Amino acid sequence: MPYTVPQFIEREAKIAGPFTFRQLGFLVGAGAIATFFFFLLPFFLFLVATLLLAVSALALSFLKIERVPLHTVAKNFFTSLAQPRLYLWKQKAAPPRIIKEARLRPELPGEATLKVVEKGILNKLSSFLHTKAK
């Protein structure tokens, strides 16, 4: 019985408790930005901005779409927006190759063009292959 090799194994090292380095980075970054908002914005705007920031940080940290993290989906989305949608083959400029024609030598009158094969050689070969004997 063949052994099935597991695929799509996702293992990231846990840095702080159940959080990976990337998850912790999103959460700490959102906390740092929220701290700046607290000192720069009025309280109502701080609450609205922090709520939006917290939801986006939690989504980036934990949400997966078809087993793909949200930050990867977002990166692929913006990459596809920047690239052209129509793929055309673009031929690279290459120097033209010069092919010389081979000159045929004239046939001699006594020269045979086809070899005559012994009749029945295919039957002998077939029986040899089937019986593995001479």
N, C-alpha and C. Protein backbone atom coordinates (compact mmCIF):
# COMPACT_ATOMS: atom_id res chain seq x y z
N MET A 1 0.84 -1.16 0.00
CA MET A 1 0.00 0.00 0.00
C MET A 1 0.90 1.24 0.00
N PRO A 2 0.73 2.14 -1.00
CA PRO A 2 1.58 3.33 -1.06
C PRO A 2 1.19 4.32 0.03
N TYR A 3 2.18 5.03 0.50
CA TYR A 3 1.96 6.03 1.54
C TYR A 3 1.57 7.35 0.89
N THR A 4 0.50 7.95 1.32
CA THR A 4 0.05 9.23 0.78
C THR A 4 0.84 10.35 1.45
N VAL A 5 1.45 11.16 0.63
CA VAL A 5 2.24 12.28 1.14
C VAL A 5 1.30 13.44 1.45
N PRO A 6 1.31 13.95 2.68
CA PRO A 6 0.43 15.07 3.00
C PRO A 6 0.85 16.33 2.27
N GLN A 7 -0.14 17.10 1.84
CA GLN A 7 0.14 18.33 1.12
C GLN A 7 -0.50 19.49 1.86
N PHE A 8 -0.09 20.68 1.51
CA PHE A 8 -0.60 21.92 2.09
C PHE A 8 -0.44 21.93 3.61
N ILE A 9 0.73 21.56 4.08
CA ILE A 9 1.01 21.59 5.50
C ILE A 9 1.43 23.00 5.86
N GLU A 10 0.68 23.60 6.77
CA GLU A 10 0.99 24.96 7.19
C GLU A 10 1.42 24.93 8.64
N ARG A 11 2.64 25.23 8.87
CA ARG A 11 3.16 25.28 10.24
C ARG A 11 3.98 26.54 10.39
N GLU A 12 3.56 27.41 11.27
CA GLU A 12 4.35 28.57 11.63
C GLU A 12 4.65 28.47 13.12
N ALA A 13 5.79 28.93 13.51
CA ALA A 13 6.18 28.85 14.92
C ALA A 13 5.31 29.77 15.75
N LYS A 14 4.88 29.27 16.89
CA LYS A 14 4.09 30.07 17.82
C LYS A 14 5.05 30.91 18.66
N ILE A 15 4.89 32.22 18.62
CA ILE A 15 5.80 33.12 19.32
C ILE A 15 5.28 33.45 20.72
N ALA A 16 4.06 33.95 20.79
CA ALA A 16 3.48 34.35 22.08
C ALA A 16 2.16 33.62 22.26
N GLY A 17 2.15 32.57 23.05
CA GLY A 17 0.93 31.80 23.28
C GLY A 17 0.49 31.12 21.99
N PRO A 18 -0.77 31.32 21.60
CA PRO A 18 -1.26 30.67 20.38
C PRO A 18 -1.01 31.50 19.11
N PHE A 19 -0.31 32.62 19.22
CA PHE A 19 -0.13 33.52 18.09
C PHE A 19 1.19 33.27 17.37
N THR A 20 1.13 33.31 16.05
CA THR A 20 2.35 33.23 15.26
C THR A 20 2.96 34.63 15.18
N PHE A 21 4.13 34.72 14.61
CA PHE A 21 4.82 36.02 14.49
C PHE A 21 3.99 36.98 13.65
N ARG A 22 3.42 36.49 12.55
CA ARG A 22 2.65 37.35 11.65
C ARG A 22 1.37 37.85 12.35
N GLN A 23 0.67 36.95 13.04
CA GLN A 23 -0.55 37.35 13.75
C GLN A 23 -0.23 38.37 14.84
N LEU A 24 0.83 38.11 15.57
CA LEU A 24 1.23 39.03 16.63
C LEU A 24 1.62 40.39 16.04
N GLY A 25 2.27 40.39 14.90
CA GLY A 25 2.64 41.64 14.24
C GLY A 25 1.43 42.46 13.84
N PHE A 26 0.40 41.80 13.27
CA PHE A 26 -0.82 42.52 12.90
C PHE A 26 -1.51 43.11 14.13
N LEU A 27 -1.60 42.33 15.19
CA LEU A 27 -2.30 42.79 16.39
C LEU A 27 -1.53 43.90 17.11
N VAL A 28 -0.22 43.76 17.23
CA VAL A 28 0.59 44.79 17.89
C VAL A 28 0.62 46.06 17.05
N GLY A 29 0.71 45.91 15.74
CA GLY A 29 0.69 47.08 14.85
C GLY A 29 -0.62 47.84 14.96
N ALA A 30 -1.74 47.11 15.01
CA ALA A 30 -3.04 47.77 15.16
C ALA A 30 -3.12 48.46 16.52
N GLY A 31 -2.57 47.84 17.55
CA GLY A 31 -2.57 48.48 18.88
C GLY A 31 -1.75 49.75 18.89
N ALA A 32 -0.61 49.75 18.20
CA ALA A 32 0.24 50.94 18.15
C ALA A 32 -0.45 52.07 17.40
N ILE A 33 -1.10 51.73 16.29
CA ILE A 33 -1.82 52.76 15.52
C ILE A 33 -2.99 53.30 16.33
N ALA A 34 -3.68 52.42 17.07
CA ALA A 34 -4.80 52.87 17.91
C ALA A 34 -4.30 53.80 19.01
N THR A 35 -3.12 53.56 19.53
CA THR A 35 -2.55 54.46 20.54
C THR A 35 -2.30 55.85 19.96
N PHE A 36 -1.78 55.92 18.74
CA PHE A 36 -1.59 57.22 18.09
C PHE A 36 -2.94 57.91 17.85
N PHE A 37 -3.95 57.13 17.44
CA PHE A 37 -5.28 57.70 17.22
C PHE A 37 -5.84 58.29 18.52
N PHE A 38 -5.56 57.65 19.64
CA PHE A 38 -6.08 58.11 20.93
C PHE A 38 -5.57 59.52 21.25
N PHE A 39 -4.32 59.78 20.93
CA PHE A 39 -3.74 61.09 21.24
C PHE A 39 -4.00 62.13 20.15
N LEU A 40 -4.29 61.71 18.94
CA LEU A 40 -4.43 62.66 17.84
C LEU A 40 -5.88 63.01 17.50
N LEU A 41 -6.82 62.11 17.72
CA LEU A 41 -8.20 62.31 17.26
C LEU A 41 -9.13 62.58 18.44
N PRO A 42 -10.26 63.24 18.16
CA PRO A 42 -11.30 63.35 19.19
C PRO A 42 -11.82 61.96 19.56
N PHE A 43 -12.44 61.86 20.74
CA PHE A 43 -12.78 60.54 21.28
C PHE A 43 -13.72 59.75 20.37
N PHE A 44 -14.75 60.41 19.81
CA PHE A 44 -15.68 59.69 18.94
C PHE A 44 -14.99 59.15 17.69
N LEU A 45 -14.15 59.98 17.06
CA LEU A 45 -13.40 59.51 15.88
C LEU A 45 -12.40 58.42 16.26
N PHE A 46 -11.84 58.54 17.46
CA PHE A 46 -10.93 57.49 17.95
C PHE A 46 -11.65 56.15 18.05
N LEU A 47 -12.87 56.16 18.60
CA LEU A 47 -13.63 54.91 18.74
C LEU A 47 -13.96 54.30 17.38
N VAL A 48 -14.40 55.12 16.44
CA VAL A 48 -14.74 54.62 15.11
C VAL A 48 -13.50 54.07 14.41
N ALA A 49 -12.42 54.84 14.43
CA ALA A 49 -11.18 54.40 13.76
C ALA A 49 -10.61 53.15 14.41
N THR A 50 -10.65 53.08 15.74
CA THR A 50 -10.12 51.92 16.45
C THR A 50 -10.97 50.68 16.18
N LEU A 51 -12.29 50.86 16.09
CA LEU A 51 -13.16 49.73 15.78
C LEU A 51 -12.84 49.17 14.39
N LEU A 52 -12.71 50.06 13.41
CA LEU A 52 -12.36 49.61 12.05
C LEU A 52 -10.98 48.97 12.03
N LEU A 53 -10.06 49.56 12.74
CA LEU A 53 -8.69 49.03 12.79
C LEU A 53 -8.66 47.66 13.47
N ALA A 54 -9.43 47.49 14.54
CA ALA A 54 -9.45 46.21 15.26
C ALA A 54 -10.07 45.12 14.40
N VAL A 55 -11.15 45.43 13.70
CA VAL A 55 -11.79 44.44 12.83
C VAL A 55 -10.84 44.03 11.71
N SER A 56 -10.17 45.00 11.10
CA SER A 56 -9.25 44.66 10.01
C SER A 56 -8.04 43.88 10.52
N ALA A 57 -7.53 44.23 11.70
CA ALA A 57 -6.38 43.50 12.26
C ALA A 57 -6.77 42.06 12.61
N LEU A 58 -7.95 41.87 13.19
CA LEU A 58 -8.40 40.51 13.51
C LEU A 58 -8.64 39.70 12.24
N ALA A 59 -9.20 40.35 11.20
CA ALA A 59 -9.42 39.63 9.94
C ALA A 59 -8.10 39.24 9.30
N LEU A 60 -7.14 40.17 9.27
CA LEU A 60 -5.83 39.85 8.69
C LEU A 60 -5.11 38.77 9.49
N SER A 61 -5.35 38.72 10.78
CA SER A 61 -4.65 37.75 11.62
C SER A 61 -5.25 36.35 11.53
N PHE A 62 -6.58 36.26 11.51
CA PHE A 62 -7.20 34.95 11.69
C PHE A 62 -8.07 34.46 10.53
N LEU A 63 -8.53 35.34 9.66
CA LEU A 63 -9.45 34.93 8.60
C LEU A 63 -8.71 34.24 7.46
N LYS A 64 -9.26 33.10 7.02
CA LYS A 64 -8.71 32.38 5.88
C LYS A 64 -9.82 32.16 4.87
N ILE A 65 -9.50 32.35 3.60
CA ILE A 65 -10.44 32.11 2.52
C ILE A 65 -9.92 30.93 1.73
N GLU A 66 -10.65 29.82 1.77
CA GLU A 66 -10.25 28.56 1.14
C GLU A 66 -8.84 28.17 1.58
N ARG A 67 -8.60 28.19 2.85
CA ARG A 67 -7.34 27.81 3.50
C ARG A 67 -6.17 28.70 3.10
N VAL A 68 -6.46 29.89 2.60
CA VAL A 68 -5.41 30.86 2.26
C VAL A 68 -5.62 32.08 3.16
N PRO A 69 -4.58 32.54 3.87
CA PRO A 69 -4.74 33.69 4.77
C PRO A 69 -5.18 34.94 4.01
N LEU A 70 -5.91 35.80 4.71
CA LEU A 70 -6.48 36.99 4.08
C LEU A 70 -5.39 37.93 3.55
N HIS A 71 -4.27 38.03 4.24
CA HIS A 71 -3.22 38.93 3.74
C HIS A 71 -2.65 38.43 2.42
N THR A 72 -2.60 37.12 2.21
CA THR A 72 -2.14 36.57 0.93
C THR A 72 -3.17 36.83 -0.16
N VAL A 73 -4.45 36.68 0.16
CA VAL A 73 -5.51 36.96 -0.80
C VAL A 73 -5.48 38.43 -1.21
N ALA A 74 -5.30 39.32 -0.24
CA ALA A 74 -5.24 40.76 -0.54
C ALA A 74 -4.02 41.09 -1.39
N LYS A 75 -2.88 40.48 -1.07
CA LYS A 75 -1.66 40.73 -1.87
C LYS A 75 -1.86 40.25 -3.31
N ASN A 76 -2.45 39.06 -3.48
CA ASN A 76 -2.70 38.54 -4.83
C ASN A 76 -3.71 39.41 -5.58
N PHE A 77 -4.71 39.94 -4.87
CA PHE A 77 -5.70 40.80 -5.50
C PHE A 77 -5.06 42.07 -6.04
N PHE A 78 -4.27 42.74 -5.21
CA PHE A 78 -3.66 43.99 -5.66
C PHE A 78 -2.59 43.75 -6.72
N THR A 79 -1.93 42.61 -6.66
CA THR A 79 -0.96 42.27 -7.71
C THR A 79 -1.67 42.06 -9.04
N SER A 80 -2.83 41.40 -9.01
CA SER A 80 -3.56 41.16 -10.26
C SER A 80 -4.15 42.45 -10.81
N LEU A 81 -4.44 43.42 -9.95
CA LEU A 81 -4.93 44.71 -10.45
C LEU A 81 -3.83 45.47 -11.19
N ALA A 82 -2.60 45.32 -10.74
CA ALA A 82 -1.49 46.06 -11.33
C ALA A 82 -1.01 45.43 -12.63
N GLN A 83 -1.25 44.15 -12.82
CA GLN A 83 -0.75 43.46 -14.02
C GLN A 83 -1.80 43.51 -15.12
N PRO A 84 -1.38 43.42 -16.38
CA PRO A 84 -2.35 43.42 -17.47
C PRO A 84 -3.18 42.14 -17.46
N ARG A 85 -4.41 42.26 -17.94
CA ARG A 85 -5.30 41.10 -17.95
C ARG A 85 -5.18 40.28 -19.23
N LEU A 86 -4.67 40.85 -20.28
CA LEU A 86 -4.53 40.16 -21.54
C LEU A 86 -3.07 39.78 -21.73
N TYR A 87 -2.83 38.50 -21.85
CA TYR A 87 -1.46 38.02 -22.00
C TYR A 87 -1.20 37.76 -23.48
N LEU A 88 -0.23 38.46 -24.01
CA LEU A 88 0.14 38.29 -25.41
C LEU A 88 1.57 37.78 -25.47
N TRP A 89 1.81 36.97 -26.48
CA TRP A 89 3.16 36.46 -26.68
C TRP A 89 3.98 37.56 -27.31
N LYS A 90 5.07 37.89 -26.66
CA LYS A 90 5.96 38.93 -27.18
C LYS A 90 7.25 38.26 -27.61
N GLN A 91 7.46 38.27 -28.92
CA GLN A 91 8.64 37.61 -29.46
C GLN A 91 9.88 38.45 -29.17
N LYS A 92 10.90 37.79 -28.67
CA LYS A 92 12.15 38.49 -28.41
C LYS A 92 12.88 38.68 -29.73
N ALA A 93 13.54 39.80 -29.83
CA ALA A 93 14.29 40.09 -31.05
C ALA A 93 15.51 39.17 -31.11
N ALA A 94 15.54 38.33 -32.11
CA ALA A 94 16.66 37.40 -32.27
C ALA A 94 17.23 37.60 -33.67
N PRO A 95 18.53 37.46 -33.79
CA PRO A 95 19.11 37.61 -35.13
C PRO A 95 18.63 36.47 -36.03
N PRO A 96 18.41 36.77 -37.31
CA PRO A 96 17.93 35.71 -38.21
C PRO A 96 19.02 34.66 -38.42
N ARG A 97 18.58 33.41 -38.49
CA ARG A 97 19.51 32.31 -38.72
C ARG A 97 19.57 32.02 -40.22
N ILE A 98 20.76 31.86 -40.71
CA ILE A 98 20.96 31.54 -42.13
C ILE A 98 21.13 30.04 -42.25
N ILE A 99 20.26 29.43 -43.02
CA ILE A 99 20.31 27.98 -43.20
C ILE A 99 20.78 27.71 -44.62
N LYS A 100 21.87 26.98 -44.72
CA LYS A 100 22.40 26.64 -46.03
C LYS A 100 21.72 25.37 -46.52
N GLU A 101 21.35 25.37 -47.78
CA GLU A 101 20.70 24.20 -48.34
C GLU A 101 21.75 23.13 -48.63
N ALA A 102 21.41 21.92 -48.30
CA ALA A 102 22.33 20.81 -48.58
C ALA A 102 22.19 20.42 -50.05
N ARG A 103 23.31 20.25 -50.70
CA ARG A 103 23.27 19.87 -52.12
C ARG A 103 23.23 18.36 -52.22
N LEU A 104 22.30 17.90 -52.99
CA LEU A 104 22.16 16.46 -53.19
C LEU A 104 23.20 15.97 -54.18
N ARG A 105 23.79 14.82 -53.86
CA ARG A 105 24.77 14.27 -54.80
C ARG A 105 24.02 13.50 -55.89
N PRO A 106 24.49 13.57 -57.07
CA PRO A 106 23.80 12.87 -58.17
C PRO A 106 23.90 11.35 -57.99
N GLU A 107 22.81 10.67 -58.36
CA GLU A 107 22.78 9.21 -58.23
C GLU A 107 23.66 8.58 -59.30
N LEU A 108 24.37 7.55 -58.88
CA LEU A 108 25.15 6.77 -59.83
C LEU A 108 24.24 5.70 -60.43
N PRO A 109 24.44 5.33 -61.69
CA PRO A 109 23.53 4.38 -62.34
C PRO A 109 23.54 2.99 -61.70
N GLY A 110 24.65 2.53 -61.13
CA GLY A 110 24.72 1.18 -60.59
C GLY A 110 24.33 1.10 -59.12
N GLU A 111 23.94 2.19 -58.54
CA GLU A 111 23.67 2.22 -57.11
C GLU A 111 22.19 1.93 -56.83
N ALA A 112 21.92 1.03 -55.91
CA ALA A 112 20.54 0.68 -55.57
C ALA A 112 20.04 1.65 -54.50
N THR A 113 18.80 2.07 -54.65
CA THR A 113 18.27 3.02 -53.68
C THR A 113 17.59 2.32 -52.51
N LEU A 114 17.05 1.12 -52.73
CA LEU A 114 16.38 0.39 -51.66
C LEU A 114 17.09 -0.92 -51.41
N LYS A 115 17.15 -1.31 -50.15
CA LYS A 115 17.73 -2.61 -49.82
C LYS A 115 16.62 -3.65 -49.88
N VAL A 116 16.94 -4.79 -50.42
CA VAL A 116 15.97 -5.88 -50.50
C VAL A 116 16.14 -6.73 -49.24
N VAL A 117 15.04 -6.89 -48.51
CA VAL A 117 15.08 -7.62 -47.25
C VAL A 117 14.55 -9.03 -47.49
N GLU A 118 15.13 -9.96 -46.78
CA GLU A 118 14.73 -11.36 -46.91
C GLU A 118 13.26 -11.49 -46.53
N LYS A 119 12.52 -12.23 -47.35
CA LYS A 119 11.10 -12.41 -47.11
C LYS A 119 10.91 -13.28 -45.86
N GLY A 120 10.04 -12.86 -44.97
CA GLY A 120 9.75 -13.64 -43.78
C GLY A 120 10.60 -13.25 -42.58
N ILE A 121 11.41 -12.21 -42.70
CA ILE A 121 12.24 -11.82 -41.56
C ILE A 121 11.38 -11.28 -40.41
N LEU A 122 10.25 -10.65 -40.75
CA LEU A 122 9.36 -10.16 -39.71
C LEU A 122 8.69 -11.31 -38.96
N ASN A 123 8.37 -12.38 -39.68
CA ASN A 123 7.78 -13.54 -39.02
C ASN A 123 8.77 -14.16 -38.04
N LYS A 124 10.03 -14.27 -38.45
CA LYS A 124 11.05 -14.83 -37.56
C LYS A 124 11.23 -13.94 -36.33
N LEU A 125 11.26 -12.65 -36.55
CA LEU A 125 11.42 -11.72 -35.44
C LEU A 125 10.23 -11.77 -34.49
N SER A 126 9.04 -11.88 -35.05
CA SER A 126 7.83 -11.96 -34.23
C SER A 126 7.82 -13.23 -33.39
N SER A 127 8.16 -14.35 -33.99
CA SER A 127 8.17 -15.60 -33.23
C SER A 127 9.29 -15.58 -32.18
N PHE A 128 10.40 -14.96 -32.48
CA PHE A 128 11.48 -14.85 -31.51
C PHE A 128 11.03 -14.02 -30.30
N LEU A 129 10.34 -12.92 -30.57
CA LEU A 129 9.89 -12.08 -29.47
C LEU A 129 8.82 -12.75 -28.63
N HIS A 130 7.94 -13.52 -29.26
CA HIS A 130 6.86 -14.18 -28.52
C HIS A 130 7.36 -15.37 -27.72
N THR A 131 8.29 -16.12 -28.27
CA THR A 131 8.75 -17.33 -27.58
C THR A 131 10.05 -17.12 -26.82
N LYS A 132 10.72 -16.05 -27.07
CA LYS A 132 12.01 -15.74 -26.45
C LYS A 132 13.02 -16.88 -26.66
N ALA A 133 12.95 -17.48 -27.81
CA ALA A 133 13.87 -18.56 -28.17
C ALA A 133 14.32 -18.35 -29.60
N LYS A 134 15.46 -18.98 -29.94
CA LYS A 134 15.98 -18.84 -31.30
C LYS A 134 15.44 -19.92 -32.19
